[in-house]
Amino acid sequence: MDIRVISPEGEAVSALLAQATAYAANLYPSESNHLDDAAELSKPNVRFIGAFIGNELAGIGAVKVLCDDVIYGEIKRVFIAPESRGLGLSKTLMNALEQLLRDDDVLLCRLETGVKQPEAIGLYSKLGYRVREPFGDYRVDPLSIFMEKKLDPVA
């Protein structure tokens, strides 16, 4: 497995983003989906990574560096291709995204996920994320869970 920074554009990435969007659309109404598109994921404050098994893109994820009351990174669009699930790619992607933040001296990581995704909630909890109130532009939504983790400077 190889994790590297990639462009959020391109055929393989577009296919995974489309799968992730369809998955979220099947679980939640549009007003509860907070999905960044390739243009948003291409902005200078975003790092987008891919997990490769051989030459095949098996998973994606991004982190946006933002600031409200503090500087933080927001995890976005973590998605593993269905045929590659169960290999620990989500945990590996999350660790890589957190390391990108540490490398930029950003030591607070936040995310939003949905209540109908117990596997994701379980992973984030195991990785040390704790539930918090909405942040940034998010508002209270009964279908959303907001989480954060303080990162150690060295991992």
Protein backbone atom coordinates (compact mmCIF):
# COMPACT_ATOMS: atom_id res chain seq x y z
CA MET A 1 0.00 0.00 0.00
CA ASP A 2 1.22 3.47 -0.92
CA ILE A 3 -0.22 6.74 0.43
CA ARG A 4 0.64 9.93 -1.42
CA VAL A 5 -0.58 13.45 -2.10
CA ILE A 6 -2.49 13.50 -5.41
CA SER A 7 -4.69 15.82 -7.42
CA PRO A 8 -8.42 15.67 -6.62
CA GLU A 9 -9.05 15.56 -10.35
CA GLY A 10 -8.62 12.72 -12.78
CA GLU A 11 -10.63 9.70 -13.80
CA ALA A 12 -9.87 7.38 -10.87
CA VAL A 13 -10.43 10.11 -8.27
CA SER A 14 -13.62 11.26 -9.99
CA ALA A 15 -14.94 7.71 -9.88
CA LEU A 16 -14.32 7.41 -6.12
CA LEU A 17 -15.76 10.86 -5.43
CA ALA A 18 -18.86 9.88 -7.41
CA GLN A 19 -19.19 6.64 -5.42
CA ALA A 20 -18.79 8.54 -2.15
CA THR A 21 -21.40 11.10 -3.21
CA ALA A 22 -23.88 8.39 -4.20
CA TYR A 23 -23.28 6.58 -0.91
CA ALA A 24 -23.96 9.74 1.11
CA ALA A 25 -27.03 10.60 -1.01
CA ASN A 26 -28.51 7.18 -0.19
CA LEU A 27 -28.10 7.81 3.54
CA TYR A 28 -28.92 11.49 3.99
CA PRO A 29 -30.98 14.31 2.47
CA SER A 30 -29.00 16.87 0.47
CA GLU A 31 -29.12 19.49 3.24
CA SER A 32 -27.28 17.05 5.55
CA ASN A 33 -24.52 16.28 3.03
CA HIS A 34 -21.47 18.51 3.27
CA LEU A 35 -19.41 17.16 0.39
CA ASP A 36 -16.64 19.20 -1.18
CA ASP A 37 -16.23 18.81 -4.94
CA ALA A 38 -12.96 18.55 -6.87
CA ALA A 39 -12.77 22.34 -7.30
CA GLU A 40 -13.04 22.91 -3.53
CA LEU A 41 -10.56 20.10 -2.89
CA SER A 42 -8.08 21.79 -5.28
CA LYS A 43 -7.79 24.96 -3.20
CA PRO A 44 -4.40 25.87 -1.69
CA ASN A 45 -5.54 25.17 1.90
CA VAL A 46 -6.42 21.54 1.06
CA ARG A 47 -4.20 18.47 0.92
CA PHE A 48 -5.73 15.54 -0.96
CA ILE A 49 -4.28 12.05 -0.67
CA GLY A 50 -4.81 8.70 -2.26
CA ALA A 51 -4.22 5.16 -1.04
CA PHE A 52 -2.92 2.87 -3.75
CA ILE A 53 -2.79 -0.89 -3.83
CA GLY A 54 -0.39 -1.59 -6.64
CA ASN A 55 -1.35 0.92 -9.31
CA GLU A 56 -5.02 1.03 -8.32
CA LEU A 57 -6.49 3.93 -6.36
CA ALA A 58 -8.25 2.23 -3.46
CA GLY A 59 -9.11 5.17 -1.20
CA ILE A 60 -9.09 8.94 -0.89
CA GLY A 61 -9.19 11.60 1.78
CA ALA A 62 -8.50 15.28 2.28
CA VAL A 63 -7.75 17.77 4.99
CA LYS A 64 -8.58 21.49 4.81
CA VAL A 65 -6.73 23.94 6.99
CA LEU A 66 -9.23 26.47 8.33
CA CYS A 67 -9.54 29.02 11.09
CA ASP A 68 -12.42 30.19 13.25
CA ASP A 69 -11.50 30.61 16.92
CA VAL A 70 -8.34 28.52 16.29
CA ILE A 71 -6.45 27.07 13.33
CA TYR A 72 -7.55 23.50 12.63
CA GLY A 73 -7.66 20.87 9.95
CA GLU A 74 -10.98 19.47 8.81
CA ILE A 75 -11.03 15.92 7.48
CA LYS A 76 -13.07 15.64 4.28
CA ARG A 77 -14.09 12.96 1.79
CA VAL A 78 -12.47 9.89 3.34
CA PHE A 79 -13.75 7.04 1.19
CA ILE A 80 -12.52 3.53 0.47
CA ALA A 81 -13.55 1.67 -2.68
CA PRO A 82 -15.96 -1.13 -1.66
CA GLU A 83 -13.64 -3.84 -3.00
CA SER A 84 -10.78 -2.53 -0.83
CA ARG A 85 -12.60 -2.28 2.49
CA GLY A 86 -11.46 -4.30 5.47
CA LEU A 87 -7.75 -3.77 4.78
CA GLY A 88 -7.20 -0.96 7.28
CA LEU A 89 -7.03 1.74 4.60
CA SER A 90 -9.33 4.17 6.47
CA LYS A 91 -7.09 4.13 9.53
CA THR A 92 -3.99 4.50 7.36
CA LEU A 93 -5.53 7.45 5.48
CA MET A 94 -6.57 9.14 8.72
CA ASN A 95 -3.08 8.73 10.17
CA ALA A 96 -1.56 10.20 6.99
CA LEU A 97 -3.96 13.16 7.03
CA GLU A 98 -3.16 13.84 10.68
CA GLN A 99 0.57 13.69 9.87
CA LEU A 100 0.12 16.27 7.11
CA LEU A 101 -1.41 18.57 9.71
CA ARG A 102 1.42 17.96 12.18
CA ASP A 103 3.94 18.70 9.43
CA ASP A 104 2.27 22.12 9.05
CA ASP A 105 2.15 22.66 12.85
CA VAL A 106 -1.65 22.34 12.90
CA LEU A 107 -2.47 20.39 16.06
CA LEU A 108 -6.26 20.33 16.07
CA CYS A 109 -8.27 18.12 13.75
CA ARG A 110 -12.05 18.26 13.29
CA LEU A 111 -14.59 16.39 11.22
CA GLU A 112 -18.28 15.97 10.52
CA THR A 113 -19.80 12.58 9.88
CA GLY A 114 -23.28 11.12 9.81
CA VAL A 115 -25.22 9.21 12.43
CA LYS A 116 -25.94 6.41 9.92
CA GLN A 117 -22.24 5.55 9.57
CA PRO A 118 -21.40 3.52 12.70
CA GLU A 119 -18.18 2.13 11.19
CA ALA A 120 -16.82 5.63 10.60
CA ILE A 121 -17.90 6.82 14.04
CA GLY A 122 -16.24 3.77 15.59
CA LEU A 123 -13.01 4.37 13.70
CA TYR A 124 -12.85 8.03 14.65
CA SER A 125 -13.56 7.19 18.29
CA LYS A 126 -10.79 4.55 18.32
CA LEU A 127 -8.41 7.12 16.84
CA GLY A 128 -9.13 9.50 19.73
CA TYR A 129 -11.78 11.80 18.26
CA ARG A 130 -14.38 13.11 20.68
CA VAL A 131 -17.84 14.49 20.01
CA ARG A 132 -18.14 18.28 20.06
CA GLU A 133 -20.57 20.99 19.01
CA PRO A 134 -20.78 22.16 15.38
CA PHE A 135 -17.82 24.22 14.16
CA GLY A 136 -17.10 26.56 11.27
CA ASP A 137 -20.12 27.03 9.01
CA TYR A 138 -21.89 23.89 10.28
CA ARG A 139 -25.18 24.14 12.15
CA VAL A 140 -26.87 21.67 14.47
CA ASP A 141 -28.22 18.78 12.41
CA PRO A 142 -29.73 15.66 14.01
CA LEU A 143 -28.10 13.58 11.25
CA SER A 144 -24.60 14.94 11.87
CA ILE A 145 -21.95 14.18 14.47
CA PHE A 146 -19.10 16.65 14.94
CA MET A 147 -15.80 15.41 16.36
CA GLU A 148 -12.33 16.70 17.12
CA LYS A 149 -8.93 15.48 18.23
CA LYS A 150 -5.93 17.33 19.60
CA LEU A 151 -2.85 16.06 17.82
CA ASP A 152 0.47 15.44 19.53
CA PRO A 153 3.23 17.43 17.84
CA VAL A 154 5.25 14.27 17.22
CA ALA A 155 3.76 11.01 16.01
